[in-house]
Amino acid sequence: MTQRRSLLHRLHAPLRTLGRACLVWLLASTCALAATDTAPRERMRLDTGWRFHQGDPPGVDGRLDYDVRPPVEENVDGQDADTRPEEAARVQTQRPVLKPWILPSANPLIADPADRHVRPSGDPGGDLPFVQAAFDDGDWQQVTLPHDWAIAGPFIADGPHGGMGRLPSWGIGWYRRTLDIPAGDAGRSIFLDVDGAMSYSTVWLNGRLVGGWPYGYTSFRLDLTPHVRPGGPNQLAIRLDNPPASARWYPGGGLYRDVWLVKTAPVHVAHWGAHVTTPEVSAERARVHLDLTIDNDGTAAARVEGSTTIHELGADGRRGDAVVARIAPAALRIGAGGSARTGGSVVIERPRLWGPPPTQVPHRYVAVTTLARDGRIVDRIETPFGIRGLRFDPDTGVHVNGERIVIRGVNNHHDLGALGAAFNLRAAERQLEILRDMGANAIRMAHNPPAPELLELTDRMGFLVVDEIFDVWERKKTPLDFHLVFPEWHEPDLRAMVRRDRNHPSVVLWSIGNEVGEQYTGEEGAAIGRRLHAIVREEDPTRPTTASMNWAKPDMPFASAFDVVSLNYQGEGIRQDPEFEGTDRIRTPPQYDAFHAAFPDKVVMSSETASALSSRGVYLFPVSPEVSAPVRDGRGGDSTIRQVSAYELHAVDFGSTADKVFAALDRHPFVAGEFVWTGFDYLGEPTPYYDSRSSYSGIVDLAGFAKDRFWLYQSRWRPDLPMAHILPHWTWPGREGEVTPVHVFTSGDEAELFVDGVSQGRKKKGAYEYRLRWDDVVYRPGSLRVQAYRDGRPWAEARVETAGEPARLELEPDRAAIANDGRDLSFLALRVLDAEGRRVPTADMRVRFRVDGPAELVATDNGDPTDMTPFPSHERDAFGGRALAIVRALPGRSGSVRVHAEAEGLTTATTTVEVVAGEAAE
């Protein structure tokens, strides 16, 4: 602990850094203590010791398929994101498949016993060499989890693969690992917990087929107990079968989230079996209710007693010793092989409430529950939670603890840029820090359940979360997406998400569908929506449900199935420009007023707004006089270089720019707020240029560098922050004498622009205007300066100068020290500078990175969606004068790491990152 505190002081951010490390310790909604004499529950991360191989052994010939998939006759790449989903293809076959053996894995999450599945006899695949302990996997690749098998590339240059990121994520992958199960574990219950496996997983232990799970985003548990051989090694084998044409974005491939081995006594708290609610909340008092589900895996009935103490969690994530409150012990009898529920409540006086910054503080508590059987402790778990009042008002939106919180949110896909789908705590934290600096207070998980650690981050940092489960129901968007398994798996997948995540105070809304095809099927589609809504309410009656609509209208049955009206792009109107008249695409006039009138008792919010497009630092001419326009060649886009202008005036055909969205929201103050598409660029779905690798819609590029749009949102979302931002850059060799418009984003209400000290006029924002424009400025080398004002007084200033020739490189790490746990990362931003220290925005030379010391270079990037250099490459072209290197400490080693960046003809940059002893706490 002394070493850890030393690290904290060196980082100059003690609580934040320690809190980040402790998130792994508080990994899921229900966290286990380490095994002790009084808490015989063990939870071990299975991150090392894995061997990986792509492809099946000879002779499999489809017998390990989950089911027979329809042939992919056509996979259209680059179709509009709002293309109407199609009816599912029907396939009939009699050949053997694994589906009957996998379906029983869902039984614990199926409410009606009549709907549960009976496992056939036998163990398909048990004869394969890959599942046998005697098989020699010495030539397989050694990997550490989380692992994304596709992110290293190489990128796929040709074919219809842009939608999935041009990376080889599809195919078969095998993972093998030995589990050492001591003889003393005989009689215990032993489980495999998988936070996420992409996809169609099948698990064998000691040659016996245990089970599996199709949906790659669901966290699930498998019971290993019947197949374990205590007293020696046990061979674990996991096969994944990730289909092609199965996603509209990059899904990744592999065991891309953590995998855990959990050992308990036969009588124990069930998986996700602790549910905390706060039915009464005020500043003076709060009632906390705990509902427990307890399993008895033994062969005899058991009488147990459960007791719970409640403690505060510090900002560092550590549990305080003092007991804040106690829930009275409850005794119950559980039959052999059965389950039972119990509960209790307690009042906490003057509670420390959880709420979103900057006006509130995300305080948290933890419930420590102990089970005793015949006076002996058999289980103990910790359940972190927050106390907060949540109210949805149809006229004023979302209220947290009595305060109206305007939603300033973003959508994010699950990949972490150059790190791919493999979850990393620090990488996710960095994203949230960047978004918080912009002023974001909410995240919509698009379009799937996140890694559990991400919700630990949002809890600690105070973000509001829309937790989302499905992008499709029964109607397909791609040939092999989730619609293939929706009929059998929607209930267990949905219950798994809600049970796992319902204790997180950051989660304020459950989203059970995104732009699903059932919007088009009238009452039939609404009936599916009502079924999903009912499942959520059975698991968690405390939060509302929603499903995002890009087509359904107020007079259609679909919207009536949910508690909250979530609109994708319909609030501003879709394709209302004259050029879209006569097309067969979705065309919708603005819908905020219509939905508010049709559902006066429901909150209306925008679950997707904008979908604006831009490439960081790329400015194309001429500049649109419109505030929002579609992208075309010569109109904000250039298909030859596959870039979109960074003047931030262009969007997808069905979307709008930030300026247009802001005006629509200001005209409709009853709307709860917005979730922008998207916070960060993401792999895949590279509209409008599907030959590229990644999207153009992010406010922040794939490397984590802010686009100009970042400061437009900051000017609105942080109105009390004095700020001004000028675009474009002012280094334009060859444009001398040409008109080069200058725009300013500021939280002030007016500003004066100076070109080489000469005023270009003072301008004031008009009604529903969010930028200031000087569209007649003529370029010549020199300087731009803007003085912003607020209420007539100086508010903020910004300056841009013409850069000279590139002279040197600069490297800046995001943190000066990282832990040597093998997971912590340092993100090093590179800038190309001239002799005077000004960034050269046109620099695009090749940069080489080199690392000396106890660390490794994991990946590089530059934010250019057209760059097909593999992410692990140590060489990378600068883009807009910037690049990124990601460094990870080697586990168990410490010392100084020297990171070098070199480019021909330029002065080398060198910086130091300290690697210090310490582990991420579990």
Foldseek 3Di string as FASTA:
>chain_A
DVQLQVVLVQFVHNQVVLLLLCLVQVQFLWHFDDDDQFAHKHKFWPFFFKFKDFDDDPPPVQQAALDDADDPPDFDAQDDPLPFFFFADDDDDDDHYCNLQAQQLLVVLDDDPVLHGDHDDDAPPLPGLQQAPPRDRVVTDTGTPPDFPWQLAQFAQDDRCQQQQSTPQFGKMKMKGKDAAAQVLPQKWKKKKQQFAQAPKWKDKNSGTFHGHGDGRFIGMTTCNVPDDHHGIIMMMMMHGHHPQADRYHPTHGSQEIMMMMIFHQKEFDDLFWFWDWPDDAQFKIKIKIKTKIFRQAQAKFKKKKKKFKFWQDLSRDTDPDTQDIWDIDIDIAGHGGMDMDMTMDMGGRDQAAAADDVHALIKMKMWMWMDTPNGTGHIMIRIAGDWDWDQFLQFGIDINNHQDFAQAAEDEQALFSNGNRDFSQSLLLLVVLVVLLQGQEYEHPADAYRSSSLSSCSSNHHAYAGHHDAEALGDPTSNYPNVPRVSCLSSRLLSRCSGPVRRPNYAEYEYYESYSLLPVFPVSLVVLLVSQVSNCVSPVPHWYEYEHAARALVTNNRVSTQAYEYELQQLWFQPDPVCPPPPDDGHHHHPVVNCVSCVRHAYAYAEAAQFFFAAQAADDDADPAQEEADDPRHQADQVQGGGHLVQRYHHRGHTTPLSVVQSCVVRSSHSHYHYHHQEKGFRPCPPHSSFRIHGRHCAFSLRHGGPVSLLSSLVSVLVAFDKDKDDAQADVPQAFHFDKMKMAGSAQKKWKAWQRHTPDIDGADRSGGMDIDRGDGHDFFKMKMFGHHPRHTRYIDMHGHFDDFAAKEWDWPTQEWEQQQRTKIKIKMFTHHPVRHGHQQFWFKKAKDKDDQKDWQFKFARDRRDSDRGRHRIGTHHRRMMMIMMTGHHPDWDKMWMWMDTPNHHIYIDIHTYTYDHSND
